[in-house]
Amino acid sequence: MNDFEKLILTEQEQKVFNKFNKVNSTDLTEIEYNLLKCKGLVDDEQLHNYIDHTYTARLSGNGRDFRAYQKLCQKKRFKDELRYWITTLIALGSLSLLMLSVYK
């Protein structure tokens, strides 16, 4: 599953996946673990903690690649939005200068 453009996470799945933002393993509930396991984002191996009923899950290779893909898309989106705001500010500045020159 290397075509990450086709992989769509629900809002709940994305919240769980965000727990892996800066780490490769974290504690998940059984439901959270199963959400990401069915997408192939966590390894099949997990450590079960019987005291608080959590699983220590690790990102799979696909999970790490998908995290990198999401970060790359986020950077691209930020770059596009920044380009838009710079263009808008230049246009507003030009309009302001034009208005000042007309009314002087």
Protein backbone atom coordinates (compact mmCIF):
# COMPACT_ATOMS: atom_id res chain seq x y z
CA MET A 1 0.00 0.00 0.00
CA ASN A 2 2.44 2.63 -1.20
CA ASP A 3 -0.12 4.81 -2.96
CA PHE A 4 -0.90 7.12 -0.06
CA GLU A 5 -3.11 9.48 -2.08
CA LYS A 6 -5.79 6.79 -1.99
CA LEU A 7 -5.45 6.19 1.76
CA ILE A 8 -8.04 8.29 3.54
CA LEU A 9 -8.29 8.37 7.32
CA THR A 10 -11.46 9.25 9.16
CA GLU A 11 -11.31 12.01 11.74
CA GLN A 12 -11.10 9.44 14.54
CA GLU A 13 -8.35 7.48 12.77
CA GLN A 14 -6.40 10.69 12.17
CA LYS A 15 -6.61 11.61 15.87
CA VAL A 16 -5.19 8.22 16.79
CA PHE A 17 -2.53 8.45 14.08
CA ASN A 18 -1.51 11.89 15.38
CA LYS A 19 -0.32 10.19 18.59
CA PHE A 20 2.60 8.96 16.45
CA ASN A 21 3.49 12.51 15.38
CA LYS A 22 7.00 12.48 16.84
CA VAL A 23 7.40 8.89 18.06
CA ASN A 24 7.38 5.48 16.43
CA SER A 25 5.57 3.72 19.28
CA THR A 26 2.90 4.73 21.76
CA ASP A 27 0.20 3.26 24.00
CA LEU A 28 -3.20 2.72 22.39
CA THR A 29 -6.46 1.23 23.50
CA GLU A 30 -7.59 -1.94 21.76
CA ILE A 31 -10.09 0.00 19.62
CA GLU A 32 -7.48 2.58 18.59
CA TYR A 33 -5.01 -0.18 17.79
CA ASN A 34 -7.53 -2.00 15.60
CA LEU A 35 -8.43 1.21 13.74
CA LEU A 36 -4.85 1.66 12.57
CA LYS A 37 -4.13 -2.05 12.16
CA CYS A 38 -6.87 -2.46 9.53
CA LYS A 39 -5.21 0.35 7.50
CA GLY A 40 -1.81 -1.32 7.83
CA LEU A 41 -0.26 1.62 9.69
CA VAL A 42 0.86 -0.30 12.80
CA ASP A 43 2.82 -3.54 13.13
CA ASP A 44 0.96 -6.74 13.89
CA GLU A 45 3.13 -7.24 16.94
CA GLN A 46 2.04 -5.36 20.04
CA LEU A 47 2.68 -5.56 23.75
CA HIS A 48 -0.48 -5.83 25.84
CA ASN A 49 -0.57 -4.20 29.26
CA TYR A 50 -3.13 -6.12 31.31
CA ILE A 51 -3.24 -3.56 34.11
CA ASP A 52 -4.68 -0.64 32.14
CA HIS A 53 -5.72 -2.63 29.02
CA THR A 54 -3.55 -0.72 26.57
CA TYR A 55 -1.34 -1.86 23.74
CA THR A 56 2.10 -0.54 23.00
CA ALA A 57 1.94 -0.25 19.23
CA ARG A 58 4.70 0.54 16.75
CA LEU A 59 4.30 2.17 13.38
CA SER A 60 4.82 -0.17 10.47
CA GLY A 61 6.97 0.78 7.50
CA ASN A 62 3.82 1.97 5.74
CA GLY A 63 2.88 3.98 8.83
CA ARG A 64 6.22 5.79 8.87
CA ASP A 65 6.00 6.42 5.13
CA PHE A 66 2.43 7.70 5.46
CA ARG A 67 3.48 10.05 8.28
CA ALA A 68 6.25 11.42 6.04
CA TYR A 69 3.76 11.77 3.16
CA GLN A 70 1.34 13.72 5.38
CA LYS A 71 4.10 16.06 6.54
CA LEU A 72 5.18 16.64 2.94
CA CYS A 73 1.58 17.47 1.95
CA GLN A 74 1.26 19.80 4.93
CA LYS A 75 4.43 21.69 3.92
CA LYS A 76 3.17 21.99 0.34
CA ARG A 77 -0.21 23.30 1.52
CA PHE A 78 1.51 25.85 3.80
CA LYS A 79 3.71 26.99 0.92
CA ASP A 80 0.67 27.42 -1.35
CA GLU A 81 -1.25 29.33 1.32
CA LEU A 82 1.74 31.56 2.05
CA ARG A 83 2.04 32.35 -1.64
CA TYR A 84 -1.66 33.30 -1.69
CA TRP A 85 -1.36 35.58 1.35
CA ILE A 86 1.73 37.34 0.00
CA THR A 87 -0.04 38.02 -3.31
CA THR A 88 -3.12 39.28 -1.47
CA LEU A 89 -1.06 41.62 0.74
CA ILE A 90 0.78 43.03 -2.27
CA ALA A 91 -2.55 43.66 -4.03
CA LEU A 92 -4.02 45.35 -0.96
CA GLY A 93 -0.89 47.48 -0.54
CA SER A 94 -1.10 48.55 -4.18
CA LEU A 95 -4.76 49.39 -3.80
CA SER A 96 -4.03 51.43 -0.67
CA LEU A 97 -1.29 53.38 -2.45
CA LEU A 98 -3.60 54.01 -5.39
CA MET A 99 -6.38 55.27 -3.10
CA LEU A 100 -3.95 57.56 -1.27
CA SER A 101 -2.63 59.03 -4.51
CA VAL A 102 -6.17 59.64 -5.88
CA TYR A 103 -7.43 61.41 -2.75
CA LYS A 104 -4.39 63.67 -2.20
